[in-house]
Amino acid sequence: MLRRTGLLGIARYMGPAGTAHALGSLLMGNDPEHSVVDAVGRVHGLRNLYVADGSVLPRASRVNPALTIYAWGLRLGAWLSKEK
């Protein structure tokens, strides 16, 4: 479908509408069987590996999720600074 509309390819500038945020690829939750990270972004089963990007967010609303991603990173940074 993208190819038919002319939006597929690296030679064509798509403007701001052509950007994307990778969301939902690392599910957050308490159950290691059904999620990758816990509520603070720590990868299940690994002691010092945390995820601070938007991949832990389940989905975006109709607005750009950049501020939510920044807030998640700031929250994780604050949590990590208190843990030591």
PDB file of N, CA and C in Angstrom:
ATOM      1  N   MET A   1       0.821  -1.178   0.000  1.00  0.00           N
ATOM      2  CA  MET A   1       0.000   0.000   0.000  1.00  0.00           C
ATOM      3  C   MET A   1       0.874   1.255   0.000  1.00  0.00           C
ATOM      4  N   LEU A   2       1.933   1.252   0.795  1.00  0.00           N
ATOM      5  CA  LEU A   2       2.826   2.407   0.807  1.00  0.00           C
ATOM      6  C   LEU A   2       3.506   2.606  -0.537  1.00  0.00           C
ATOM      7  N   ARG A   3       3.870   1.517  -1.188  1.00  0.00           N
ATOM      8  CA  ARG A   3       4.528   1.629  -2.487  1.00  0.00           C
ATOM      9  C   ARG A   3       3.588   2.259  -3.521  1.00  0.00           C
ATOM     10  N   ARG A   4       2.325   1.868  -3.504  1.00  0.00           N
ATOM     11  CA  ARG A   4       1.354   2.432  -4.459  1.00  0.00           C
ATOM     12  C   ARG A   4       1.134   3.924  -4.245  1.00  0.00           C
ATOM     13  N   THR A   5       1.213   4.385  -3.003  1.00  0.00           N
ATOM     14  CA  THR A   5       1.007   5.809  -2.736  1.00  0.00           C
ATOM     15  C   THR A   5       2.274   6.624  -2.921  1.00  0.00           C
ATOM     16  N   GLY A   6       3.398   5.944  -3.137  1.00  0.00           N
ATOM     17  CA  GLY A   6       4.655   6.653  -3.353  1.00  0.00           C
ATOM     18  C   GLY A   6       5.371   7.018  -2.062  1.00  0.00           C
ATOM     19  N   LEU A   7       4.961   6.452  -0.951  1.00  0.00           N
ATOM     20  CA  LEU A   7       5.577   6.795   0.323  1.00  0.00           C
ATOM     21  C   LEU A   7       6.653   5.818   0.753  1.00  0.00           C
ATOM     22  N   LEU A   8       6.909   4.809  -0.006  1.00  0.00           N
ATOM     23  CA  LEU A   8       7.930   3.830   0.345  1.00  0.00           C
ATOM     24  C   LEU A   8       9.208   4.143  -0.407  1.00  0.00           C
ATOM     25  N   GLY A   9      10.293   4.161   0.306  1.00  0.00           N
ATOM     26  CA  GLY A   9      11.577   4.409  -0.330  1.00  0.00           C
ATOM     27  C   GLY A   9      12.354   5.454   0.448  1.00  0.00           C
ATOM     28  N   ILE A  10      13.663   5.419   0.304  1.00  0.00           N
ATOM     29  CA  ILE A  10      14.500   6.344   1.055  1.00  0.00           C
ATOM     30  C   ILE A  10      14.792   7.623   0.275  1.00  0.00           C
ATOM     31  N   ALA A  11      14.449   7.673  -0.982  1.00  0.00           N
ATOM     32  CA  ALA A  11      14.755   8.833  -1.801  1.00  0.00           C
ATOM     33  C   ALA A  11      13.692   9.920  -1.685  1.00  0.00           C
ATOM     34  N   ARG A  12      12.577   9.625  -1.073  1.00  0.00           N
ATOM     35  CA  ARG A  12      11.499  10.608  -1.007  1.00  0.00           C
ATOM     36  C   ARG A  12      11.357  11.128   0.426  1.00  0.00           C
ATOM     37  N   TYR A  13      11.460  12.444   0.577  1.00  0.00           N
ATOM     38  CA  TYR A  13      11.292  13.064   1.885  1.00  0.00           C
ATOM     39  C   TYR A  13       9.819  13.056   2.262  1.00  0.00           C
ATOM     40  N   MET A  14       9.517  12.564   3.458  1.00  0.00           N
ATOM     41  CA  MET A  14       8.126  12.446   3.881  1.00  0.00           C
ATOM     42  C   MET A  14       7.712  13.530   4.864  1.00  0.00           C
ATOM     43  N   GLY A  15       8.631  14.382   5.286  1.00  0.00           N
ATOM     44  CA  GLY A  15       8.288  15.443   6.219  1.00  0.00           C
ATOM     45  C   GLY A  15       8.048  14.899   7.619  1.00  0.00           C
ATOM     46  N   PRO A  16       7.493  15.725   8.496  1.00  0.00           N
ATOM     47  CA  PRO A  16       7.257  15.306   9.876  1.00  0.00           C
ATOM     48  C   PRO A  16       6.318  14.104   9.991  1.00  0.00           C
ATOM     49  N   ALA A  17       5.454  13.906   9.039  1.00  0.00           N
ATOM     50  CA  ALA A  17       4.530  12.767   9.085  1.00  0.00           C
ATOM     51  C   ALA A  17       5.248  11.447   8.868  1.00  0.00           C
ATOM     52  N   GLY A  18       6.488  11.488   8.415  1.00  0.00           N
ATOM     53  CA  GLY A  18       7.225  10.275   8.135  1.00  0.00           C
ATOM     54  C   GLY A  18       8.053   9.756   9.296  1.00  0.00           C
ATOM     55  N   THR A  19       7.980  10.410  10.439  1.00  0.00           N
ATOM     56  CA  THR A  19       8.749   9.933  11.590  1.00  0.00           C
ATOM     57  C   THR A  19       7.956   8.880  12.353  1.00  0.00           C
ATOM     58  N   ALA A  20       8.651   8.103  13.160  1.00  0.00           N
ATOM     59  CA  ALA A  20       7.974   7.061  13.929  1.00  0.00           C
ATOM     60  C   ALA A  20       8.696   6.841  15.251  1.00  0.00           C
ATOM     61  N   HIS A  21       7.981   6.355  16.205  1.00  0.00           N
ATOM     62  CA  HIS A  21       8.537   5.979  17.501  1.00  0.00           C
ATOM     63  C   HIS A  21       8.249   4.499  17.713  1.00  0.00           C
ATOM     64  N   ALA A  22       9.285   3.754  18.052  1.00  0.00           N
ATOM     65  CA  ALA A  22       9.107   2.327  18.298  1.00  0.00           C
ATOM     66  C   ALA A  22       8.488   2.139  19.680  1.00  0.00           C
ATOM     67  N   LEU A  23       7.240   1.731  19.717  1.00  0.00           N
ATOM     68  CA  LEU A  23       6.532   1.529  20.974  1.00  0.00           C
ATOM     69  C   LEU A  23       5.999   0.101  21.034  1.00  0.00           C
ATOM     70  N   GLY A  24       5.928  -0.431  22.243  1.00  0.00           N
ATOM     71  CA  GLY A  24       5.288  -1.714  22.449  1.00  0.00           C
ATOM     72  C   GLY A  24       6.101  -2.944  22.127  1.00  0.00           C
ATOM     73  N   SER A  25       7.384  -2.785  21.852  1.00  0.00           N
ATOM     74  CA  SER A  25       8.167  -3.969  21.512  1.00  0.00           C
ATOM     75  C   SER A  25       8.715  -4.697  22.738  1.00  0.00           C
ATOM     76  N   LEU A  26       8.776  -4.032  23.894  1.00  0.00           N
ATOM     77  CA  LEU A  26       9.225  -4.645  25.152  1.00  0.00           C
ATOM     78  C   LEU A  26       8.149  -4.432  26.203  1.00  0.00           C
ATOM     79  N   LEU A  27       7.229  -5.343  26.297  1.00  0.00           N
ATOM     80  CA  LEU A  27       6.088  -5.177  27.199  1.00  0.00           C
ATOM     81  C   LEU A  27       6.510  -5.028  28.655  1.00  0.00           C
ATOM     82  N   MET A  28       5.807  -4.166  29.374  1.00  0.00           N
ATOM     83  CA  MET A  28       6.049  -3.932  30.780  1.00  0.00           C
ATOM     84  C   MET A  28       5.010  -4.678  31.606  1.00  0.00           C
ATOM     85  N   GLY A  29       5.439  -5.304  32.702  1.00  0.00           N
ATOM     86  CA  GLY A  29       4.505  -5.998  33.570  1.00  0.00           C
ATOM     87  C   GLY A  29       5.225  -6.739  34.680  1.00  0.00           C
ATOM     88  N   ASN A  30       4.467  -7.315  35.569  1.00  0.00           N
ATOM     89  CA  ASN A  30       5.034  -8.030  36.711  1.00  0.00           C
ATOM     90  C   ASN A  30       5.314  -9.502  36.418  1.00  0.00           C
ATOM     91  N   ASP A  31       4.711 -10.036  35.381  1.00  0.00           N
ATOM     92  CA  ASP A  31       4.851 -11.452  35.061  1.00  0.00           C
ATOM     93  C   ASP A  31       5.923 -11.655  33.986  1.00  0.00           C
ATOM     94  N   PRO A  32       7.062 -12.265  34.346  1.00  0.00           N
ATOM     95  CA  PRO A  32       8.127 -12.485  33.352  1.00  0.00           C
ATOM     96  C   PRO A  32       7.701 -13.357  32.177  1.00  0.00           C
ATOM     97  N   GLU A  33       6.661 -14.155  32.351  1.00  0.00           N
ATOM     98  CA  GLU A  33       6.171 -14.986  31.247  1.00  0.00           C
ATOM     99  C   GLU A  33       5.501 -14.162  30.152  1.00  0.00           C
ATOM    100  N   HIS A  34       4.959 -13.004  30.516  1.00  0.00           N
ATOM    101  CA  HIS A  34       4.191 -12.193  29.570  1.00  0.00           C
ATOM    102  C   HIS A  34       4.728 -10.781  29.387  1.00  0.00           C
ATOM    103  N   SER A  35       5.881 -10.473  29.956  1.00  0.00           N
ATOM    104  CA  SER A  35       6.455  -9.142  29.809  1.00  0.00           C
ATOM    105  C   SER A  35       7.974  -9.229  29.813  1.00  0.00           C
ATOM    106  N   VAL A  36       8.606  -8.160  29.376  1.00  0.00           N
ATOM    107  CA  VAL A  36      10.063  -8.127  29.286  1.00  0.00           C
ATOM    108  C   VAL A  36      10.674  -7.344  30.451  1.00  0.00           C
ATOM    109  N   VAL A  37      10.023  -6.237  30.832  1.00  0.00           N
ATOM    110  CA  VAL A  37      10.542  -5.393  31.909  1.00  0.00           C
ATOM    111  C   VAL A  37       9.495  -5.220  33.001  1.00  0.00           C
ATOM    112  N   ASP A  38       9.971  -4.881  34.214  1.00  0.00           N
ATOM    113  CA  ASP A  38       9.047  -4.615  35.315  1.00  0.00           C
ATOM    114  C   ASP A  38       8.641  -3.138  35.314  1.00  0.00           C
ATOM    115  N   ALA A  39       7.971  -2.699  36.366  1.00  0.00           N
ATOM    116  CA  ALA A  39       7.411  -1.344  36.413  1.00  0.00           C
ATOM    117  C   ALA A  39       8.458  -0.242  36.449  1.00  0.00           C
ATOM    118  N   VAL A  40       9.697  -0.559  36.778  1.00  0.00           N
ATOM    119  CA  VAL A  40      10.742   0.464  36.763  1.00  0.00           C
ATOM    120  C   VAL A  40      11.653   0.344  35.541  1.00  0.00           C
ATOM    121  N   GLY A  41      11.357  -0.581  34.647  1.00  0.00           N
ATOM    122  CA  GLY A  41      12.133  -0.724  33.423  1.00  0.00           C
ATOM    123  C   GLY A  41      13.252  -1.730  33.498  1.00  0.00           C
ATOM    124  N   ARG A  42      13.342  -2.479  34.597  1.00  0.00           N
ATOM    125  CA  ARG A  42      14.384  -3.491  34.749  1.00  0.00           C
ATOM    126  C   ARG A  42      13.980  -4.751  33.981  1.00  0.00           C
ATOM    127  N   VAL A  43      14.887  -5.270  33.179  1.00  0.00           N
ATOM    128  CA  VAL A  43      14.620  -6.479  32.405  1.00  0.00           C
ATOM    129  C   VAL A  43      14.523  -7.662  33.371  1.00  0.00           C
ATOM    130  N   HIS A  44      13.435  -8.419  33.244  1.00  0.00           N
ATOM    131  CA  HIS A  44      13.231  -9.585  34.106  1.00  0.00           C
ATOM    132  C   HIS A  44      14.417 -10.550  33.995  1.00  0.00           C
ATOM    133  N   GLY A  45      14.914 -10.991  35.147  1.00  0.00           N
ATOM    134  CA  GLY A  45      15.976 -11.977  35.172  1.00  0.00           C
ATOM    135  C   GLY A  45      17.380 -11.420  35.058  1.00  0.00           C
ATOM    136  N   LEU A  46      17.522 -10.120  34.833  1.00  0.00           N
ATOM    137  CA  LEU A  46      18.838  -9.494  34.739  1.00  0.00           C
ATOM    138  C   LEU A  46      18.922  -8.375  35.769  1.00  0.00           C
ATOM    139  N   ARG A  47      19.983  -8.364  36.523  1.00  0.00           N
ATOM    140  CA  ARG A  47      20.066  -7.471  37.666  1.00  0.00           C
ATOM    141  C   ARG A  47      20.225  -5.991  37.312  1.00  0.00           C
ATOM    142  N   ASN A  48      21.085  -5.648  36.399  1.00  0.00           N
ATOM    143  CA  ASN A  48      21.384  -4.241  36.120  1.00  0.00           C
ATOM    144  C   ASN A  48      21.160  -3.837  34.672  1.00  0.00           C
ATOM    145  N   LEU A  49      20.126  -4.372  34.063  1.00  0.00           N
ATOM    146  CA  LEU A  49      19.790  -3.980  32.699  1.00  0.00           C
ATOM    147  C   LEU A  49      18.420  -3.325  32.706  1.00  0.00           C
ATOM    148  N   TYR A  50      18.365  -2.070  32.288  1.00  0.00           N
ATOM    149  CA  TYR A  50      17.134  -1.287  32.295  1.00  0.00           C
ATOM    150  C   TYR A  50      16.853  -0.764  30.891  1.00  0.00           C
ATOM    151  N   VAL A  51      15.595  -0.520  30.593  1.00  0.00           N
ATOM    152  CA  VAL A  51      15.194   0.021  29.304  1.00  0.00           C
ATOM    153  C   VAL A  51      14.619   1.415  29.543  1.00  0.00           C
ATOM    154  N   ALA A  52      15.206   2.414  28.897  1.00  0.00           N
ATOM    155  CA  ALA A  52      14.806   3.800  29.134  1.00  0.00           C
ATOM    156  C   ALA A  52      14.201   4.462  27.901  1.00  0.00           C
ATOM    157  N   ASP A  53      13.799   3.692  26.914  1.00  0.00           N
ATOM    158  CA  ASP A  53      13.218   4.298  25.717  1.00  0.00           C
ATOM    159  C   ASP A  53      11.725   3.986  25.615  1.00  0.00           C
ATOM    160  N   GLY A  54      11.134   4.345  24.521  1.00  0.00           N
ATOM    161  CA  GLY A  54       9.694   4.186  24.340  1.00  0.00           C
ATOM    162  C   GLY A  54       9.222   2.776  24.074  1.00  0.00           C
ATOM    163  N   SER A  55      10.119   1.832  23.940  1.00  0.00           N
ATOM    164  CA  SER A  55       9.690   0.472  23.622  1.00  0.00           C
ATOM    165  C   SER A  55       8.881  -0.171  24.744  1.00  0.00           C
ATOM    166  N   VAL A  56       8.974   0.351  25.971  1.00  0.00           N
ATOM    167  CA  VAL A  56       8.203  -0.211  27.084  1.00  0.00           C
ATOM    168  C   VAL A  56       6.776   0.332  27.129  1.00  0.00           C
ATOM    169  N   LEU A  57       6.512   1.386  26.391  1.00  0.00           N
ATOM    170  CA  LEU A  57       5.167   1.962  26.363  1.00  0.00           C
ATOM    171  C   LEU A  57       4.279   1.129  25.445  1.00  0.00           C
ATOM    172  N   PRO A  58       3.063   0.806  25.873  1.00  0.00           N
ATOM    173  CA  PRO A  58       2.236  -0.111  25.085  1.00  0.00           C
ATOM    174  C   PRO A  58       1.799   0.441  23.733  1.00  0.00           C
ATOM    175  N   ARG A  59       1.497   1.727  23.671  1.00  0.00           N
ATOM    176  CA  ARG A  59       1.049   2.338  22.411  1.00  0.00           C
ATOM    177  C   ARG A  59       1.017   3.848  22.584  1.00  0.00           C
ATOM    178  N   ALA A  60       0.845   4.548  21.487  1.00  0.00           N
ATOM    179  CA  ALA A  60       0.751   6.004  21.518  1.00  0.00           C
ATOM    180  C   ALA A  60      -0.692   6.423  21.292  1.00  0.00           C
ATOM    181  N   SER A  61      -1.020   7.553  21.836  1.00  0.00           N
ATOM    182  CA  SER A  61      -2.334   8.116  21.533  1.00  0.00           C
ATOM    183  C   SER A  61      -2.218   8.855  20.206  1.00  0.00           C
ATOM    184  N   ARG A  62      -3.058   9.782  19.961  1.00  0.00           N
ATOM    185  CA  ARG A  62      -3.004  10.505  18.682  1.00  0.00           C
ATOM    186  C   ARG A  62      -1.991  11.637  18.688  1.00  0.00           C
ATOM    187  N   VAL A  63      -1.257  11.778  19.776  1.00  0.00           N
ATOM    188  CA  VAL A  63      -0.244  12.829  19.841  1.00  0.00           C
ATOM    189  C   VAL A  63       1.145  12.194  19.838  1.00  0.00           C
ATOM    190  N   ASN A  64       2.139  12.994  19.537  1.00  0.00           N
ATOM    191  CA  ASN A  64       3.520  12.538  19.518  1.00  0.00           C
ATOM    192  C   ASN A  64       3.912  12.082  20.927  1.00  0.00           C
ATOM    193  N   PRO A  65       4.456  10.864  21.082  1.00  0.00           N
ATOM    194  CA  PRO A  65       4.780  10.344  22.410  1.00  0.00           C
ATOM    195  C   PRO A  65       6.125  10.810  22.958  1.00  0.00           C
ATOM    196  N   ALA A  66       6.786  11.757  22.311  1.00  0.00           N
ATOM    197  CA  ALA A  66       8.131  12.157  22.722  1.00  0.00           C
ATOM    198  C   ALA A  66       8.183  12.599  24.185  1.00  0.00           C
ATOM    199  N   LEU A  67       7.238  13.418  24.637  1.00  0.00           N
ATOM    200  CA  LEU A  67       7.268  13.880  26.028  1.00  0.00           C
ATOM    201  C   LEU A  67       7.061  12.730  27.004  1.00  0.00           C
ATOM    202  N   THR A  68       6.231  11.774  26.654  1.00  0.00           N
ATOM    203  CA  THR A  68       6.030  10.600  27.509  1.00  0.00           C
ATOM    204  C   THR A  68       7.314   9.783  27.582  1.00  0.00           C
ATOM    205  N   ILE A  69       8.013   9.650  26.471  1.00  0.00           N
ATOM    206  CA  ILE A  69       9.277   8.919  26.450  1.00  0.00           C
ATOM    207  C   ILE A  69      10.317   9.650  27.301  1.00  0.00           C
ATOM    208  N   TYR A  70      10.388  10.971  27.183  1.00  0.00           N
ATOM    209  CA  TYR A  70      11.317  11.751  28.015  1.00  0.00           C
ATOM    210  C   TYR A  70      10.988  11.566  29.495  1.00  0.00           C
ATOM    211  N   ALA A  71       9.702  11.630  29.831  1.00  0.00           N
ATOM    212  CA  ALA A  71       9.281  11.473  31.229  1.00  0.00           C
ATOM    213  C   ALA A  71       9.654  10.096  31.757  1.00  0.00           C
ATOM    214  N   TRP A  72       9.483   9.064  30.946  1.00  0.00           N
ATOM    215  CA  TRP A  72       9.857   7.709  31.355  1.00  0.00           C
ATOM    216  C   TRP A  72      11.358   7.649  31.652  1.00  0.00           C
ATOM    217  N   GLY A  73      12.176   8.226  30.777  1.00  0.00           N
ATOM    218  CA  GLY A  73      13.623   8.236  30.988  1.00  0.00           C
ATOM    219  C   GLY A  73      14.019   9.012  32.237  1.00  0.00           C
ATOM    220  N   LEU A  74      13.380  10.148  32.472  1.00  0.00           N
ATOM    221  CA  LEU A  74      13.660  10.930  33.678  1.00  0.00           C
ATOM    222  C   LEU A  74      13.246  10.181  34.939  1.00  0.00           C
ATOM    223  N   ARG A  75      12.107   9.519  34.875  1.00  0.00           N
ATOM    224  CA  ARG A  75      11.622   8.729  36.015  1.00  0.00           C
ATOM    225  C   ARG A  75      12.593   7.600  36.332  1.00  0.00           C
ATOM    226  N   LEU A  76      13.051   6.910  35.302  1.00  0.00           N
ATOM    227  CA  LEU A  76      14.002   5.826  35.497  1.00  0.00           C
ATOM    228  C   LEU A  76      15.319   6.360  36.055  1.00  0.00           C
ATOM    229  N   GLY A  77      15.793   7.476  35.526  1.00  0.00           N
ATOM    230  CA  GLY A  77      17.027   8.073  36.035  1.00  0.00           C
ATOM    231  C   GLY A  77      16.914   8.455  37.503  1.00  0.00           C
ATOM    232  N   ALA A  78      15.795   9.030  37.893  1.00  0.00           N
ATOM    233  CA  ALA A  78      15.580   9.394  39.296  1.00  0.00           C
ATOM    234  C   ALA A  78      15.550   8.145  40.166  1.00  0.00           C
ATOM    235  N   TRP A  79      14.905   7.090  39.696  1.00  0.00           N
ATOM    236  CA  TRP A  79      14.825   5.844  40.453  1.00  0.00           C
ATOM    237  C   TRP A  79      16.217   5.224  40.613  1.00  0.00           C
ATOM    238  N   LEU A  80      16.992   5.221  39.537  1.00  0.00           N
ATOM    239  CA  LEU A  80      18.334   4.643  39.601  1.00  0.00           C
ATOM    240  C   LEU A  80      19.254   5.447  40.535  1.00  0.00           C
ATOM    241  N   SER A  81      19.110   6.758  40.560  1.00  0.00           N
ATOM    242  CA  SER A  81      19.966   7.570  41.434  1.00  0.00           C
ATOM    243  C   SER A  81      19.638   7.335  42.905  1.00  0.00           C
ATOM    244  N   LYS A  82      18.406   6.973  43.222  1.00  0.00           N
ATOM    245  CA  LYS A  82      18.014   6.699  44.607  1.00  0.00           C
ATOM    246  C   LYS A  82      18.392   5.283  45.030  1.00  0.00           C
ATOM    247  N   GLU A  83      18.499   4.370  44.073  1.00  0.00           N
ATOM    248  CA  GLU A  83      18.750   2.977  44.404  1.00  0.00           C
ATOM    249  C   GLU A  83      20.167   2.730  44.914  1.00  0.00           C
ATOM    250  N   LYS A  84      21.119   3.523  44.519  1.00  0.00           N
ATOM    251  CA  LYS A  84      22.529   3.276  44.880  1.00  0.00           C
ATOM    252  C   LYS A  84      22.840   3.658  46.269  1.00  0.00           C
TER     253      LYS A  84
END
